[in-house]
Protein backbone atom coordinates (compact mmCIF):
# COMPACT_ATOMS: atom_id res chain seq x y z
CA MET A 1 3.65 -3.48 6.25
CA SER A 2 5.25 -4.48 2.79
CA TYR A 3 6.50 -0.92 2.40
CA LEU A 4 8.32 -0.62 5.73
CA ARG A 5 9.65 -4.16 4.95
CA THR A 6 10.97 -2.67 1.51
CA PHE A 7 12.75 0.53 3.28
CA LEU A 8 14.13 -1.41 6.07
CA PRO A 9 17.51 -1.15 4.91
CA TRP A 10 17.09 2.75 4.45
CA ILE A 11 15.67 2.74 8.17
CA VAL A 12 18.48 0.91 9.50
CA PHE A 13 20.93 3.51 7.97
CA ALA A 14 18.97 6.27 9.16
CA VAL A 15 19.41 4.89 12.73
CA VAL A 16 22.84 4.07 13.03
CA PRO A 17 24.86 6.94 14.45
CA SER A 18 26.24 9.26 11.93
CA ALA A 19 29.91 8.70 13.13
CA ASP A 20 29.50 5.11 12.37
CA TRP A 21 28.21 5.80 8.86
CA GLN A 22 30.42 3.35 7.31
CA TRP A 23 28.60 0.49 9.70
CA GLY A 24 25.22 1.96 8.82
CA ALA A 25 26.06 1.41 5.37
CA LEU A 26 27.28 -2.14 5.88
CA ALA A 27 24.24 -3.05 8.25
CA ALA A 28 21.96 -1.77 5.52
CA LEU A 29 23.89 -3.74 2.81
CA VAL A 30 23.31 -7.01 4.92
CA VAL A 31 19.48 -6.12 5.39
CA ALA A 32 18.91 -5.17 1.97
CA LEU A 33 20.39 -8.85 0.77
CA GLY A 34 18.52 -10.60 3.38
CA LEU A 35 15.46 -9.51 2.38
CA ILE A 36 16.31 -10.16 -1.24
CA ALA A 37 17.38 -13.53 -0.22
CA ARG A 38 14.28 -14.33 1.92
CA GLU A 39 11.74 -12.81 -0.70
CA LYS A 40 13.41 -14.94 -3.33
CA ARG A 41 13.26 -18.01 -1.35
CA SER A 42 9.35 -17.39 -0.98
CA GLY A 43 9.23 -16.92 -4.81
CA THR A 44 8.92 -13.59 -4.94
CA GLY A 45 9.93 -12.34 -8.56
CA PHE A 46 12.37 -9.53 -9.05
CA ASP A 47 9.59 -7.15 -10.18
CA ALA A 48 8.51 -6.83 -6.44
CA LEU A 49 12.15 -6.48 -5.28
CA VAL A 50 13.15 -3.19 -7.17
CA ILE A 51 13.48 -1.15 -4.33
CA GLU A 52 15.74 -3.72 -2.62
CA SER A 53 17.95 -4.43 -5.32
CA GLY A 54 18.56 -1.14 -5.67
CA SER A 55 19.41 -0.64 -2.16
CA ALA A 56 21.80 -3.48 -2.06
CA VAL A 57 23.76 -1.59 -4.92
CA PHE A 58 23.69 1.76 -3.32
CA PHE A 59 24.71 0.50 0.26
CA ALA A 60 27.49 -1.57 -1.56
CA VAL A 61 28.68 1.46 -3.12
CA LEU A 62 28.40 3.69 -0.27
CA ALA A 63 29.98 1.05 2.03
CA ALA A 64 32.90 0.83 -0.48
CA ILE A 65 33.48 4.64 -0.27
CA ALA A 66 32.69 4.72 3.36
CA PHE A 67 35.46 2.04 4.45
CA ALA A 68 37.92 3.28 2.05
CA ASP A 69 37.76 6.74 3.43
CA PRO A 70 35.73 7.32 6.51
CA HIS A 71 36.15 11.13 6.16
CA SER A 72 34.82 11.32 2.61
CA GLY A 73 32.88 14.30 1.49
CA VAL A 74 30.10 11.75 0.47
CA HIS A 75 29.46 11.39 4.28
CA ASP A 76 27.82 14.77 4.42
CA TYR A 77 25.76 14.36 1.51
CA SER A 78 24.62 10.81 2.39
CA ALA A 79 21.09 11.36 3.48
CA ALA A 80 20.36 13.49 0.30
CA LEU A 81 22.06 10.71 -1.79
CA SER A 82 19.88 7.96 -0.36
CA SER A 83 16.81 9.92 -0.94
CA ALA A 84 17.90 10.90 -4.86
CA THR A 85 19.06 7.21 -5.00
CA LEU A 86 15.57 6.35 -4.15
CA ALA A 87 14.08 8.81 -6.62
CA VAL A 88 16.16 7.57 -9.52
CA ILE A 89 15.27 4.07 -8.74
CA ALA A 90 11.68 4.66 -8.40
CA GLY A 91 11.59 7.06 -11.40
CA LEU A 92 13.35 4.70 -13.65
CA SER A 93 10.61 2.07 -12.89
CA LEU A 94 8.22 4.48 -14.03
CA ALA A 95 10.07 5.16 -17.30
CA ALA A 96 10.12 1.34 -17.89
CA ARG A 97 6.45 1.25 -17.18
CA ARG A 98 7.09 -1.24 -14.43
CA PRO A 99 6.36 0.94 -11.24
CA PHE A 100 8.07 -0.52 -8.54
CA THR A 101 4.76 -0.56 -6.26
CA LEU A 102 3.13 -3.16 -8.44
CA GLY A 103 5.63 -5.82 -7.35
CA ILE A 104 4.49 -4.67 -3.72
CA ALA A 105 0.80 -4.54 -4.34
CA LYS A 106 0.72 -7.78 -6.13
CA ARG A 107 1.48 -9.29 -2.75
CA THR A 108 -1.93 -8.49 -1.41
CA THR A 109 -3.88 -8.34 -4.67
CA PRO A 110 -5.73 -11.08 -6.86
CA ARG A 111 -4.03 -12.17 -9.77
CA GLU A 112 -6.74 -11.60 -11.83
CA LEU A 113 -6.62 -7.84 -11.29
CA TRP A 114 -2.88 -7.53 -11.90
CA HIS A 115 -3.29 -6.53 -15.67
CA LEU A 116 -6.58 -4.61 -15.16
CA LYS A 117 -5.70 -1.01 -16.13
CA PRO A 118 -7.18 0.72 -12.54
CA PHE A 119 -4.84 -1.51 -10.91
CA ILE A 120 -1.80 -0.50 -13.10
CA ARG A 121 -2.63 3.24 -13.39
CA THR A 122 -3.02 3.30 -9.27
CA ASN A 123 0.23 2.01 -9.18
CA VAL A 124 1.41 4.84 -11.49
CA VAL A 125 -0.09 7.20 -9.47
CA ILE A 126 1.50 5.90 -6.36
CA THR A 127 4.98 5.49 -7.76
CA ALA A 128 4.88 8.67 -9.28
CA VAL A 129 4.03 10.31 -5.61
CA TRP A 130 6.74 8.41 -3.91
CA THR A 131 9.22 9.42 -6.82
CA ALA A 132 8.37 13.14 -6.29
CA ALA A 133 8.45 12.28 -2.36
CA PHE A 134 11.70 11.05 -2.88
CA ALA A 135 13.35 13.90 -5.44
CA LEU A 136 11.88 16.67 -2.65
CA THR A 137 13.19 15.17 0.29
CA ALA A 138 16.76 14.92 -1.69
CA ALA A 139 16.58 18.46 -2.44
CA ALA A 140 15.66 19.66 0.73
CA LEU A 141 18.55 17.62 2.51
CA ALA A 142 20.87 18.84 -0.05
CA VAL A 143 20.00 22.36 1.18
CA LEU A 144 20.40 21.55 4.50
CA ASP A 145 23.74 19.49 3.86
CA HIS A 146 25.13 22.40 2.15
CA SER A 147 24.37 24.81 4.87
CA GLY A 148 26.09 22.63 7.52
CA HIS A 149 22.86 21.17 9.01
CA ALA A 150 23.29 17.33 7.84
CA ARG A 151 22.58 15.94 10.94
CA SER A 152 19.87 18.43 12.32
CA THR A 153 16.50 18.05 13.93
CA ALA A 154 15.37 19.88 10.39
CA ALA A 155 17.16 16.91 8.39
CA THR A 156 15.78 14.30 10.73
CA LEU A 157 12.17 15.95 9.99
CA VAL A 158 12.66 16.03 6.40
CA GLN A 159 13.53 12.46 6.07
CA ILE A 160 10.46 11.23 8.36
CA ALA A 161 8.17 13.47 6.01
CA GLY A 162 9.76 12.04 2.73
CA PHE A 163 8.39 8.69 3.86
CA ALA A 164 5.59 9.54 5.84
CA ALA A 165 3.73 11.57 3.26
CA PRO A 166 4.12 9.23 0.42
CA MET A 167 3.11 6.48 2.88
CA LEU A 168 0.02 8.10 4.02
CA PHE A 169 -0.93 9.09 0.56
CA THR A 170 -0.64 5.46 -0.55
CA VAL A 171 -2.94 4.33 2.21
CA ARG A 172 -5.47 6.95 1.37
CA TYR A 173 -5.13 6.76 -2.25
CA VAL A 174 -5.66 2.90 -2.38
CA ALA A 175 -8.75 3.38 -0.06
CA HIS A 176 -10.34 5.84 -2.38
CA VAL A 177 -9.62 3.43 -5.53
CA GLN A 178 -11.27 0.62 -3.79
CA ALA A 179 -13.97 2.82 -2.59
CA LYS A 180 -14.64 4.13 -5.94
CA ALA A 181 -14.75 0.84 -7.67
CA GLN A 182 -17.06 -0.77 -5.10
CA ALA A 183 -19.16 2.09 -5.56
CA ALA A 184 -19.42 1.36 -9.43
CA GLY A 185 -19.92 -2.47 -8.92
CA GLN A 186 -16.70 -3.30 -9.21
CA VAL A 187 -14.38 -5.70 -7.04
CA ALA A 188 -11.11 -3.73 -6.09
CA ARG A 189 -8.25 -4.69 -3.94
């Protein structure tokens, strides 16, 4: 459920009708800021808010563009730009050796496991899969946008797959790692 909460601003933006994209961007910004404020009040560190923080910046810029020029060409590519932004955020978290999934995983993993190599490696793999999924989604959406199918069923299916595939991978990979650790006599979460 943490992943759904993490990506809630992007979901909000995706469900607001395209004709109202400036309001969708503003709503997504408000949701991102609300998530950050809520999590900070509960003691969550910024390491667990990498996507939320990047989301807030992206939607602040997008809302400014959308309100300044509702007919901006950015509108046609906003879905591809969204996925590309997520790919950059996730990729930068890998480059900084702080995979964005670490902070999310720490919410449900005992503190004594946080610095173990298998835990970190699992999150590197998961973040790499999310990064690749975001990049592939951005590329597919850019092709659809460029061919005039920005708001088509195909674009919607690409966006859904761009989140569903890495989410499914995450669930299955974590279960695999946990089963492997338990079979080896280790404790894993």
